[in-house]
Amino acid sequence: MIMMPYFARMSAKSIGLFAGLAMFAIGTAPASASEVVYALFSQPDGGVTVGTYEGNVSVTVSGVGQALADLYSDAFYLLPTAQSPVATHVGFWDLAFGTSTLGNNSQEALNFIIGALPVYNPTHIYSFVLNTGSFVPTLLHFGVSDQIFNDNTGAYTIVVTQLASSVPEPSTWAMMILGFAGIGFMAYRRKSKPASMIA
C-alpha cells in the first residue's frame, strides 16, 4: 500500500489557502462611508470633518459665496457677470484645504487635486480626488481662500469619502508573510521527505 505523508497531501491545499487569504486581504479594503461638511465663507476655518482621513479622498463640493466685493465665486471660479460674461479662475477666493487650522496662510484645494483644474460647471458642483498628504488619519479643514472674512457670505457643502488605500496595511503584510512562510515550509517538507512509503 502506498501512503503519502500528511504534509505532502496537504501542501497543494495549503498553498491555495494561504494564497487565497493573502489575495482576499489585499482585495477587500473597502472605502468608508461619506461625511458632509459645511464650510462657511465667513470663518477662517470654514468647516472641519468629524472623521479622520488619510491618503486620497473623494470630494464633491457645491455652493457659491461672496468673498470679493460684490463678486460671487464657487469652489474654483469667479462667476460670470454682465461686465465679465466668462467664468474666471483667479487663483484666490477658491476652496481652501488643509490638515491643520486654516487662516491667512490657507492653501487652495487645487494644489492637492490629483489631475487638472475641473472645468467650469454652471451648477457649481465639482467632484475630484484630493491627496490629503497625510499618512496617518487626520481631520480635514475646508474654507474659502481669503484674508478678510467679516464681509463674506455663503458656504460650501462638501462630501468627503475615504478612498481605499493601494498600500497594504500592516495586518495585510503580516498575513502575506505568514502565507509565504507557510508555502516555503510546505515546499521544504515536501523535498526533505520521501514522496511515498511502502507498507
N, C-alpha and C. Protein backbone atom coordinates (compact mmCIF):
# COMPACT_ATOMS: atom_id res chain seq x y z
N MET A 1 0.84 -1.17 0.00
CA MET A 1 0.00 0.00 0.00
C MET A 1 0.89 1.25 0.00
N ILE A 2 0.58 2.19 -0.88
CA ILE A 2 1.37 3.41 -0.98
C ILE A 2 0.65 4.51 -0.21
N MET A 3 1.37 5.14 0.73
CA MET A 3 0.79 6.23 1.52
C MET A 3 1.65 7.47 1.35
N MET A 4 1.01 8.57 1.12
CA MET A 4 1.73 9.85 1.03
C MET A 4 1.72 10.48 2.41
N PRO A 5 2.82 11.11 2.78
CA PRO A 5 2.83 11.81 4.06
C PRO A 5 1.72 12.86 4.12
N TYR A 6 1.24 13.13 5.33
CA TYR A 6 0.15 14.08 5.52
C TYR A 6 0.49 15.45 4.94
N PHE A 7 1.71 15.95 5.22
CA PHE A 7 2.09 17.28 4.74
C PHE A 7 2.19 17.33 3.23
N ALA A 8 2.61 16.23 2.60
CA ALA A 8 2.69 16.20 1.14
C ALA A 8 1.30 16.29 0.54
N ARG A 9 0.32 15.62 1.16
CA ARG A 9 -1.05 15.68 0.64
C ARG A 9 -1.67 17.04 0.86
N MET A 10 -1.30 17.69 1.96
CA MET A 10 -1.90 18.98 2.31
C MET A 10 -1.23 20.17 1.63
N SER A 11 -0.05 19.98 1.03
CA SER A 11 0.68 21.13 0.53
C SER A 11 -0.08 21.90 -0.54
N ALA A 12 -0.71 21.21 -1.47
CA ALA A 12 -1.45 21.90 -2.53
C ALA A 12 -2.62 22.69 -1.94
N LYS A 13 -3.33 22.07 -0.99
CA LYS A 13 -4.44 22.77 -0.34
C LYS A 13 -3.95 23.97 0.46
N SER A 14 -2.83 23.77 1.16
CA SER A 14 -2.28 24.86 1.98
C SER A 14 -1.84 26.02 1.13
N ILE A 15 -1.18 25.71 0.03
CA ILE A 15 -0.73 26.79 -0.87
C ILE A 15 -1.94 27.57 -1.38
N GLY A 16 -2.96 26.86 -1.78
CA GLY A 16 -4.17 27.53 -2.26
C GLY A 16 -4.82 28.37 -1.17
N LEU A 17 -4.86 27.82 0.07
CA LEU A 17 -5.46 28.54 1.18
C LEU A 17 -4.70 29.80 1.52
N PHE A 18 -3.37 29.68 1.67
CA PHE A 18 -2.56 30.86 2.01
C PHE A 18 -2.62 31.91 0.91
N ALA A 19 -2.52 31.49 -0.34
CA ALA A 19 -2.59 32.45 -1.44
C ALA A 19 -3.96 33.11 -1.49
N GLY A 20 -5.01 32.32 -1.26
CA GLY A 20 -6.36 32.89 -1.26
C GLY A 20 -6.56 33.90 -0.15
N LEU A 21 -6.06 33.58 1.05
CA LEU A 21 -6.19 34.52 2.16
C LEU A 21 -5.44 35.81 1.88
N ALA A 22 -4.24 35.70 1.33
CA ALA A 22 -3.45 36.90 1.02
C ALA A 22 -4.17 37.76 0.00
N MET A 23 -4.70 37.15 -1.07
CA MET A 23 -5.40 37.92 -2.10
C MET A 23 -6.69 38.52 -1.54
N PHE A 24 -7.38 37.76 -0.66
CA PHE A 24 -8.60 38.28 -0.04
C PHE A 24 -8.30 39.53 0.78
N ALA A 25 -7.21 39.46 1.56
CA ALA A 25 -6.84 40.59 2.42
C ALA A 25 -6.48 41.81 1.59
N ILE A 26 -5.79 41.61 0.47
CA ILE A 26 -5.37 42.74 -0.36
C ILE A 26 -6.57 43.34 -1.09
N GLY A 27 -7.46 42.51 -1.56
CA GLY A 27 -8.53 42.98 -2.44
C GLY A 27 -9.79 43.43 -1.75
N THR A 28 -9.84 43.45 -0.43
CA THR A 28 -11.09 43.78 0.23
C THR A 28 -10.98 44.98 1.16
N ALA A 29 -10.18 45.97 0.79
CA ALA A 29 -10.12 47.18 1.61
C ALA A 29 -11.20 48.14 1.12
N PRO A 30 -12.37 48.16 1.76
CA PRO A 30 -13.48 48.97 1.26
C PRO A 30 -13.31 50.44 1.59
N ALA A 31 -13.93 51.29 0.78
CA ALA A 31 -13.96 52.71 1.09
C ALA A 31 -14.97 52.91 2.22
N SER A 32 -14.75 53.93 3.04
CA SER A 32 -15.64 54.17 4.16
C SER A 32 -16.84 54.99 3.72
N ALA A 33 -17.79 55.20 4.63
CA ALA A 33 -18.98 55.99 4.35
C ALA A 33 -18.60 57.45 4.15
N SER A 34 -19.49 58.18 3.50
CA SER A 34 -19.25 59.59 3.22
C SER A 34 -19.64 60.46 4.41
N GLU A 35 -19.03 61.63 4.46
CA GLU A 35 -19.33 62.62 5.50
C GLU A 35 -19.58 63.96 4.82
N VAL A 36 -20.56 64.69 5.32
CA VAL A 36 -20.89 66.01 4.76
C VAL A 36 -20.35 67.08 5.69
N VAL A 37 -19.64 68.06 5.10
CA VAL A 37 -19.07 69.17 5.86
C VAL A 37 -19.60 70.47 5.27
N TYR A 38 -20.03 71.39 6.12
CA TYR A 38 -20.46 72.72 5.68
C TYR A 38 -19.34 73.70 6.04
N ALA A 39 -18.82 74.36 5.02
CA ALA A 39 -17.70 75.30 5.23
C ALA A 39 -18.18 76.71 4.92
N LEU A 40 -18.36 77.51 5.96
CA LEU A 40 -18.84 78.88 5.80
C LEU A 40 -17.74 79.79 5.25
N PHE A 41 -18.11 80.70 4.35
CA PHE A 41 -17.18 81.70 3.83
C PHE A 41 -16.80 82.72 4.91
N SER A 42 -17.64 82.86 5.93
CA SER A 42 -17.45 83.91 6.93
C SER A 42 -16.51 83.51 8.07
N GLN A 43 -15.91 82.31 8.00
CA GLN A 43 -15.00 81.86 9.06
C GLN A 43 -13.67 81.45 8.43
N PRO A 44 -12.56 81.82 9.06
CA PRO A 44 -11.25 81.43 8.52
C PRO A 44 -11.12 79.92 8.36
N ASP A 45 -11.61 79.16 9.33
CA ASP A 45 -11.60 77.70 9.25
C ASP A 45 -13.04 77.28 9.05
N GLY A 46 -13.50 77.36 7.79
CA GLY A 46 -14.92 77.24 7.49
C GLY A 46 -15.61 76.01 8.00
N GLY A 47 -15.00 74.84 7.81
CA GLY A 47 -15.61 73.59 8.25
C GLY A 47 -14.56 72.51 8.43
N VAL A 48 -14.77 71.67 9.43
CA VAL A 48 -13.80 70.62 9.76
C VAL A 48 -14.54 69.29 9.81
N THR A 49 -13.90 68.23 9.29
CA THR A 49 -14.52 66.91 9.33
C THR A 49 -14.63 66.41 10.77
N VAL A 50 -15.57 65.54 10.99
CA VAL A 50 -15.69 64.86 12.28
C VAL A 50 -14.79 63.63 12.26
N GLY A 51 -14.82 62.92 11.13
CA GLY A 51 -13.98 61.74 10.96
C GLY A 51 -12.57 62.12 10.55
N THR A 52 -11.68 61.15 10.62
CA THR A 52 -10.30 61.37 10.22
C THR A 52 -10.02 60.63 8.91
N TYR A 53 -9.11 61.19 8.12
CA TYR A 53 -8.84 60.68 6.78
C TYR A 53 -7.34 60.68 6.53
N GLU A 54 -6.93 59.89 5.55
CA GLU A 54 -5.53 59.83 5.15
C GLU A 54 -5.45 59.50 3.67
N GLY A 55 -4.30 59.75 3.06
CA GLY A 55 -4.11 59.41 1.66
C GLY A 55 -5.08 60.15 0.77
N ASN A 56 -5.66 59.43 -0.20
CA ASN A 56 -6.57 60.05 -1.16
C ASN A 56 -8.02 59.97 -0.68
N VAL A 57 -8.74 61.07 -0.91
CA VAL A 57 -10.17 61.11 -0.59
C VAL A 57 -10.92 61.61 -1.82
N SER A 58 -12.15 61.14 -1.94
CA SER A 58 -13.03 61.64 -2.98
C SER A 58 -13.79 62.83 -2.39
N VAL A 59 -13.85 63.92 -3.16
CA VAL A 59 -14.51 65.14 -2.68
C VAL A 59 -15.51 65.61 -3.73
N THR A 60 -16.72 65.93 -3.29
CA THR A 60 -17.70 66.62 -4.13
C THR A 60 -18.05 67.90 -3.39
N VAL A 61 -17.87 69.03 -4.07
CA VAL A 61 -18.12 70.32 -3.43
C VAL A 61 -19.12 71.11 -4.26
N SER A 62 -20.04 71.76 -3.57
CA SER A 62 -21.01 72.63 -4.23
C SER A 62 -21.16 73.88 -3.39
N GLY A 63 -21.76 74.90 -3.97
CA GLY A 63 -22.01 76.12 -3.23
C GLY A 63 -21.36 77.33 -3.84
N VAL A 64 -21.95 78.47 -3.55
CA VAL A 64 -21.50 79.77 -4.06
C VAL A 64 -21.46 80.73 -2.89
N GLY A 65 -20.50 81.63 -2.91
CA GLY A 65 -20.41 82.63 -1.85
C GLY A 65 -19.82 83.93 -2.35
N GLN A 66 -19.86 84.91 -1.48
CA GLN A 66 -19.35 86.25 -1.81
C GLN A 66 -18.15 86.52 -0.92
N ALA A 67 -16.98 86.65 -1.55
CA ALA A 67 -15.77 86.91 -0.78
C ALA A 67 -14.97 88.07 -1.36
N LEU A 68 -15.29 88.49 -2.57
CA LEU A 68 -14.57 89.58 -3.23
C LEU A 68 -15.56 90.66 -3.62
N ALA A 69 -15.64 91.72 -2.79
CA ALA A 69 -16.55 92.85 -3.05
C ALA A 69 -17.95 92.32 -3.37
N ASP A 70 -18.49 92.68 -4.56
CA ASP A 70 -19.83 92.22 -4.92
C ASP A 70 -19.80 91.04 -5.89
N LEU A 71 -18.63 90.40 -6.02
CA LEU A 71 -18.49 89.25 -6.92
C LEU A 71 -18.70 87.94 -6.16
N TYR A 72 -19.25 86.98 -6.85
CA TYR A 72 -19.52 85.67 -6.27
C TYR A 72 -18.59 84.63 -6.89
N SER A 73 -18.27 83.64 -6.11
CA SER A 73 -17.41 82.57 -6.60
C SER A 73 -17.91 81.22 -6.12
N ASP A 74 -17.56 80.19 -6.89
CA ASP A 74 -17.80 78.83 -6.42
C ASP A 74 -16.46 78.26 -5.98
N ALA A 75 -16.29 76.96 -6.01
CA ALA A 75 -15.06 76.36 -5.49
C ALA A 75 -13.81 76.76 -6.27
N PHE A 76 -13.97 77.07 -7.58
CA PHE A 76 -12.78 77.33 -8.39
C PHE A 76 -12.88 78.55 -9.32
N TYR A 77 -14.05 79.13 -9.46
CA TYR A 77 -14.21 80.20 -10.45
C TYR A 77 -14.98 81.39 -9.90
N LEU A 78 -14.58 82.61 -10.35
CA LEU A 78 -15.42 83.78 -10.16
C LEU A 78 -16.55 83.67 -11.17
N LEU A 79 -17.77 83.85 -10.72
CA LEU A 79 -18.93 83.65 -11.59
C LEU A 79 -19.03 84.75 -12.65
N PRO A 80 -19.63 84.41 -13.79
CA PRO A 80 -19.82 85.42 -14.84
C PRO A 80 -20.69 86.58 -14.36
N THR A 81 -20.41 87.76 -14.87
CA THR A 81 -21.21 88.95 -14.58
C THR A 81 -21.52 89.63 -15.92
N ALA A 82 -22.32 90.70 -15.85
CA ALA A 82 -22.63 91.45 -17.07
C ALA A 82 -21.36 92.06 -17.66
N GLN A 83 -20.46 92.51 -16.80
CA GLN A 83 -19.21 93.10 -17.27
C GLN A 83 -18.20 92.05 -17.73
N SER A 84 -18.22 90.88 -17.10
CA SER A 84 -17.30 89.79 -17.43
C SER A 84 -18.10 88.51 -17.61
N PRO A 85 -18.58 88.24 -18.84
CA PRO A 85 -19.50 87.12 -19.06
C PRO A 85 -18.88 85.73 -19.01
N VAL A 86 -17.57 85.65 -18.81
CA VAL A 86 -16.90 84.36 -18.77
C VAL A 86 -16.42 84.07 -17.35
N ALA A 87 -16.69 82.85 -16.87
CA ALA A 87 -16.19 82.45 -15.55
C ALA A 87 -14.67 82.44 -15.57
N THR A 88 -14.05 82.93 -14.50
CA THR A 88 -12.60 83.07 -14.46
C THR A 88 -12.01 82.41 -13.23
N HIS A 89 -10.93 81.65 -13.45
CA HIS A 89 -10.19 81.11 -12.31
C HIS A 89 -9.09 82.11 -11.97
N VAL A 90 -9.22 82.74 -10.81
CA VAL A 90 -8.28 83.77 -10.40
C VAL A 90 -7.13 83.18 -9.60
N GLY A 91 -7.39 82.09 -8.90
CA GLY A 91 -6.37 81.51 -8.03
C GLY A 91 -6.47 82.03 -6.61
N PHE A 92 -7.57 82.68 -6.31
CA PHE A 92 -7.84 83.14 -4.95
C PHE A 92 -9.36 83.17 -4.81
N TRP A 93 -9.88 83.24 -3.59
CA TRP A 93 -11.31 83.15 -3.32
C TRP A 93 -11.85 81.80 -3.80
N ASP A 94 -11.00 80.79 -3.73
CA ASP A 94 -11.37 79.44 -4.10
C ASP A 94 -11.53 78.59 -2.84
N LEU A 95 -11.89 77.33 -3.05
CA LEU A 95 -11.94 76.37 -1.96
C LEU A 95 -10.53 76.21 -1.38
N ALA A 96 -10.43 76.36 -0.08
CA ALA A 96 -9.15 76.16 0.62
C ALA A 96 -9.19 74.83 1.35
N PHE A 97 -8.02 74.23 1.51
CA PHE A 97 -7.92 72.93 2.16
C PHE A 97 -6.65 72.86 2.98
N GLY A 98 -6.71 72.12 4.08
CA GLY A 98 -5.52 71.85 4.88
C GLY A 98 -5.80 70.76 5.89
N THR A 99 -4.73 70.25 6.48
CA THR A 99 -4.89 69.25 7.54
C THR A 99 -4.66 69.88 8.91
N SER A 100 -4.53 71.19 8.95
CA SER A 100 -4.47 71.93 10.21
C SER A 100 -5.33 73.18 10.03
N THR A 101 -5.53 73.93 11.09
CA THR A 101 -6.43 75.07 11.08
C THR A 101 -6.11 76.03 9.94
N LEU A 102 -7.15 76.39 9.19
CA LEU A 102 -6.98 77.34 8.09
C LEU A 102 -6.98 78.76 8.64
N GLY A 103 -6.45 79.66 7.88
CA GLY A 103 -6.41 81.07 8.27
C GLY A 103 -5.83 81.86 7.12
N ASN A 104 -5.07 82.87 7.44
CA ASN A 104 -4.49 83.71 6.39
C ASN A 104 -3.49 82.97 5.52
N ASN A 105 -2.98 81.84 5.99
CA ASN A 105 -2.00 81.09 5.20
C ASN A 105 -2.62 79.85 4.55
N SER A 106 -3.95 79.82 4.40
CA SER A 106 -4.62 78.65 3.81
C SER A 106 -4.21 78.47 2.36
N GLN A 107 -4.24 77.24 1.92
CA GLN A 107 -3.85 76.92 0.55
C GLN A 107 -5.06 76.50 -0.26
N GLU A 108 -5.00 76.78 -1.54
CA GLU A 108 -6.07 76.37 -2.44
C GLU A 108 -6.15 74.85 -2.50
N ALA A 109 -7.36 74.33 -2.51
CA ALA A 109 -7.55 72.89 -2.65
C ALA A 109 -6.98 72.40 -3.98
N LEU A 110 -6.96 73.27 -4.98
CA LEU A 110 -6.43 72.92 -6.29
C LEU A 110 -5.01 72.36 -6.20
N ASN A 111 -4.24 72.84 -5.23
CA ASN A 111 -2.86 72.36 -5.06
C ASN A 111 -2.79 70.91 -4.63
N PHE A 112 -3.91 70.35 -4.16
CA PHE A 112 -3.94 68.97 -3.65
C PHE A 112 -4.74 68.03 -4.54
N ILE A 113 -5.32 68.56 -5.61
CA ILE A 113 -6.15 67.74 -6.50
C ILE A 113 -5.27 66.85 -7.36
N ILE A 114 -5.68 65.60 -7.51
CA ILE A 114 -5.00 64.70 -8.43
C ILE A 114 -5.61 64.94 -9.80
N GLY A 115 -4.86 65.55 -10.69
CA GLY A 115 -5.37 65.90 -12.01
C GLY A 115 -5.45 67.41 -12.17
N ALA A 116 -6.13 67.81 -13.21
CA ALA A 116 -6.19 69.23 -13.58
C ALA A 116 -7.36 69.94 -12.90
N LEU A 117 -7.36 71.26 -13.04
CA LEU A 117 -8.47 72.09 -12.56
C LEU A 117 -9.76 71.62 -13.23
N PRO A 118 -10.80 71.34 -12.44
CA PRO A 118 -12.08 70.95 -13.07
C PRO A 118 -12.61 72.06 -13.97
N VAL A 119 -13.24 71.67 -15.05
CA VAL A 119 -13.83 72.63 -15.98
C VAL A 119 -15.00 73.33 -15.30
N TYR A 120 -15.20 74.61 -15.63
CA TYR A 120 -16.29 75.37 -15.02
C TYR A 120 -17.62 74.66 -15.23
N ASN A 121 -18.39 74.55 -14.16
CA ASN A 121 -19.69 73.91 -14.18
C ASN A 121 -20.73 74.92 -13.71
N PRO A 122 -21.69 75.28 -14.57
CA PRO A 122 -22.69 76.28 -14.17
C PRO A 122 -23.57 75.84 -13.00
N THR A 123 -23.58 74.52 -12.67
CA THR A 123 -24.32 74.07 -11.49
C THR A 123 -23.48 74.26 -10.23
N HIS A 124 -22.19 74.59 -10.40
CA HIS A 124 -21.25 74.84 -9.30
C HIS A 124 -21.01 73.60 -8.44
N ILE A 125 -21.08 72.42 -9.06
CA ILE A 125 -20.79 71.16 -8.38
C ILE A 125 -19.57 70.54 -9.04
N TYR A 126 -18.57 70.22 -8.23
CA TYR A 126 -17.33 69.66 -8.74
C TYR A 126 -16.97 68.41 -7.93
N SER A 127 -16.55 67.37 -8.63
CA SER A 127 -16.09 66.14 -7.97
C SER A 127 -14.67 65.86 -8.42
N PHE A 128 -13.82 65.46 -7.46
CA PHE A 128 -12.42 65.22 -7.77
C PHE A 128 -11.81 64.37 -6.66
N VAL A 129 -10.60 63.90 -6.91
CA VAL A 129 -9.84 63.16 -5.90
C VAL A 129 -8.79 64.10 -5.34
N LEU A 130 -8.72 64.16 -4.03
CA LEU A 130 -7.81 65.07 -3.35
C LEU A 130 -6.80 64.25 -2.55
N ASN A 131 -5.54 64.58 -2.67
CA ASN A 131 -4.48 63.92 -1.90
C ASN A 131 -4.29 64.72 -0.61
N THR A 132 -4.64 64.13 0.52
CA THR A 132 -4.54 64.84 1.79
C THR A 132 -3.09 65.10 2.19
N GLY A 133 -2.17 64.31 1.64
CA GLY A 133 -0.76 64.45 2.02
C GLY A 133 -0.45 63.85 3.37
N SER A 134 -1.44 63.19 3.99
CA SER A 134 -1.25 62.62 5.32
C SER A 134 -1.22 61.10 5.23
N PHE A 135 -0.27 60.50 5.97
CA PHE A 135 -0.17 59.04 6.03
C PHE A 135 -0.79 58.48 7.30
N VAL A 136 -1.29 59.36 8.16
CA VAL A 136 -1.99 58.94 9.37
C VAL A 136 -3.36 59.61 9.38
N PRO A 137 -4.37 58.98 9.96
CA PRO A 137 -5.71 59.58 9.98
C PRO A 137 -5.68 60.96 10.65
N THR A 138 -6.25 61.93 9.98
CA THR A 138 -6.23 63.30 10.49
C THR A 138 -7.51 64.03 10.09
N LEU A 139 -7.86 65.09 10.81
CA LEU A 139 -9.01 65.90 10.47
C LEU A 139 -8.70 66.72 9.21
N LEU A 140 -9.72 66.96 8.40
CA LEU A 140 -9.56 67.77 7.20
C LEU A 140 -10.30 69.09 7.39
N HIS A 141 -9.65 70.18 7.00
CA HIS A 141 -10.19 71.53 7.16
C HIS A 141 -10.50 72.13 5.80
N PHE A 142 -11.69 72.73 5.66
CA PHE A 142 -12.09 73.35 4.41
C PHE A 142 -12.58 74.77 4.68
N GLY A 143 -12.46 75.64 3.70
CA GLY A 143 -12.94 77.00 3.83
C GLY A 143 -12.78 77.72 2.50
N VAL A 144 -12.80 79.03 2.55
CA VAL A 144 -12.57 79.84 1.36
C VAL A 144 -11.20 80.51 1.51
N SER A 145 -10.47 80.56 0.43
CA SER A 145 -9.14 81.19 0.46
C SER A 145 -9.33 82.70 0.45
N ASP A 146 -9.15 83.31 1.59
CA ASP A 146 -9.40 84.75 1.73
C ASP A 146 -8.61 85.23 2.95
N GLN A 147 -8.52 86.54 3.11
CA GLN A 147 -7.84 87.10 4.28
C GLN A 147 -8.77 87.95 5.13
N ILE A 148 -9.89 88.35 4.57
CA ILE A 148 -10.88 89.14 5.32
C ILE A 148 -12.20 88.39 5.24
N PHE A 149 -12.74 88.01 6.39
CA PHE A 149 -13.90 87.13 6.41
C PHE A 149 -15.19 87.82 6.88
N ASN A 150 -15.08 88.98 7.51
CA ASN A 150 -16.28 89.60 8.11
C ASN A 150 -17.26 90.15 7.09
N ASP A 151 -16.86 90.25 5.80
CA ASP A 151 -17.80 90.73 4.78
C ASP A 151 -18.20 89.61 3.82
N ASN A 152 -17.90 88.37 4.17
CA ASN A 152 -18.20 87.23 3.29
C ASN A 152 -19.59 86.66 3.58
N THR A 153 -20.17 86.05 2.56
CA THR A 153 -21.43 85.32 2.71
C THR A 153 -21.34 84.01 1.93
N GLY A 154 -22.18 83.05 2.30
CA GLY A 154 -22.24 81.80 1.56
C GLY A 154 -21.50 80.67 2.25
N ALA A 155 -21.57 79.50 1.64
CA ALA A 155 -20.93 78.32 2.22
C ALA A 155 -20.73 77.27 1.14
N TYR A 156 -19.77 76.40 1.38
CA TYR A 156 -19.59 75.20 0.56
C TYR A 156 -20.25 74.03 1.28
N THR A 157 -20.85 73.14 0.51
CA THR A 157 -21.28 71.85 1.02
C THR A 157 -20.32 70.83 0.43
N ILE A 158 -19.62 70.11 1.29
CA ILE A 158 -18.54 69.23 0.85
C ILE A 158 -18.84 67.81 1.31
N VAL A 159 -18.79 66.87 0.38
CA VAL A 159 -18.96 65.45 0.70
C VAL A 159 -17.59 64.80 0.57
N VAL A 160 -17.11 64.22 1.67
CA VAL A 160 -15.78 63.61 1.71
C VAL A 160 -15.94 62.10 1.90
N THR A 161 -15.22 61.34 1.09
CA THR A 161 -15.23 59.88 1.20
C THR A 161 -13.81 59.37 1.17
N GLN A 162 -13.43 58.58 2.16
CA GLN A 162 -12.10 57.96 2.18
C GLN A 162 -12.01 56.93 1.08
N LEU A 163 -10.97 57.01 0.27
CA LEU A 163 -10.74 56.01 -0.75
C LEU A 163 -9.85 54.92 -0.18
N ALA A 164 -10.06 53.69 -0.64
CA ALA A 164 -9.27 52.57 -0.16
C ALA A 164 -7.81 52.80 -0.51
N SER A 165 -6.94 52.47 0.40
CA SER A 165 -5.51 52.65 0.19
C SER A 165 -4.98 51.56 -0.72
N SER A 166 -4.08 51.94 -1.63
CA SER A 166 -3.46 50.95 -2.50
C SER A 166 -2.26 50.30 -1.83
N VAL A 167 -1.86 50.84 -0.68
CA VAL A 167 -0.74 50.27 0.08
C VAL A 167 -1.30 49.33 1.13
N PRO A 168 -0.88 48.07 1.16
CA PRO A 168 -1.42 47.14 2.16
C PRO A 168 -1.15 47.62 3.58
N GLU A 169 -2.12 47.37 4.47
CA GLU A 169 -1.97 47.72 5.87
C GLU A 169 -1.04 46.72 6.55
N PRO A 170 -0.52 47.04 7.74
CA PRO A 170 0.38 46.12 8.45
C PRO A 170 -0.20 44.72 8.64
N SER A 171 -1.51 44.63 8.93
CA SER A 171 -2.12 43.31 9.11
C SER A 171 -2.11 42.51 7.81
N THR A 172 -2.27 43.21 6.69
CA THR A 172 -2.20 42.54 5.39
C THR A 172 -0.80 42.03 5.12
N TRP A 173 0.20 42.88 5.43
CA TRP A 173 1.60 42.44 5.25
C TRP A 173 1.87 41.20 6.10
N ALA A 174 1.40 41.21 7.35
CA ALA A 174 1.63 40.06 8.24
C ALA A 174 1.01 38.80 7.67
N MET A 175 -0.21 38.91 7.15
CA MET A 175 -0.87 37.74 6.59
C MET A 175 -0.12 37.23 5.34
N MET A 176 0.35 38.17 4.52
CA MET A 176 1.09 37.76 3.32
C MET A 176 2.39 37.06 3.70
N ILE A 177 3.11 37.60 4.68
CA ILE A 177 4.37 36.99 5.11
C ILE A 177 4.12 35.61 5.69
N LEU A 178 3.07 35.50 6.50
CA LEU A 178 2.71 34.20 7.07
C LEU A 178 2.37 33.21 5.95
N GLY A 179 1.64 33.66 4.97
CA GLY A 179 1.27 32.80 3.85
C GLY A 179 2.49 32.32 3.08
N PHE A 180 3.41 33.25 2.78
CA PHE A 180 4.62 32.86 2.04
C PHE A 180 5.50 31.94 2.88
N ALA A 181 5.56 32.18 4.20
CA ALA A 181 6.34 31.30 5.07
C ALA A 181 5.73 29.89 5.06
N GLY A 182 4.42 29.82 5.10
CA GLY A 182 3.74 28.53 5.06
C GLY A 182 4.01 27.80 3.76
N ILE A 183 3.97 28.53 2.65
CA ILE A 183 4.25 27.92 1.35
C ILE A 183 5.69 27.40 1.31
N GLY A 184 6.61 28.22 1.82
CA GLY A 184 8.02 27.80 1.85
C GLY A 184 8.22 26.57 2.73
N PHE A 185 7.54 26.53 3.87
CA PHE A 185 7.66 25.39 4.79
C PHE A 185 7.13 24.12 4.13
N MET A 186 5.99 24.24 3.46
CA MET A 186 5.41 23.07 2.79
C MET A 186 6.33 22.57 1.69
N ALA A 187 6.91 23.49 0.94
CA ALA A 187 7.83 23.08 -0.13
C ALA A 187 9.07 22.41 0.46
N TYR A 188 9.59 22.93 1.58
CA TYR A 188 10.76 22.34 2.25
C TYR A 188 10.45 20.93 2.74
N ARG A 189 9.29 20.78 3.39
CA ARG A 189 8.90 19.46 3.92
C ARG A 189 8.73 18.46 2.78
N ARG A 190 8.19 18.95 1.68
CA ARG A 190 7.95 18.04 0.56
C ARG A 190 9.27 17.53 -0.02
N LYS A 191 10.30 18.38 -0.08
CA LYS A 191 11.59 17.98 -0.61
C LYS A 191 12.36 17.11 0.36
N SER A 192 12.22 17.36 1.66
CA SER A 192 13.03 16.64 2.64
C SER A 192 12.48 15.27 2.99
N LYS A 193 11.19 14.98 2.70
CA LYS A 193 10.61 13.67 3.00
C LYS A 193 10.38 12.92 1.71
N PRO A 194 10.46 11.58 1.78
CA PRO A 194 10.15 10.80 0.57
C PRO A 194 8.70 11.00 0.19
N ALA A 195 8.41 10.97 -1.10
CA ALA A 195 7.07 11.22 -1.60
C ALA A 195 6.13 10.08 -1.28
N SER A 196 6.63 8.91 -1.08
CA SER A 196 5.74 7.77 -0.80
C SER A 196 6.40 6.80 0.17
N MET A 197 5.59 6.03 0.81
CA MET A 197 6.06 5.00 1.74
C MET A 197 5.43 3.68 1.34
N ILE A 198 6.21 2.60 1.35
CA ILE A 198 5.69 1.28 1.03
C ILE A 198 5.36 0.58 2.32
N ALA A 199 4.13 0.12 2.44
CA ALA A 199 3.70 -0.56 3.67
C ALA A 199 3.88 -2.04 3.56
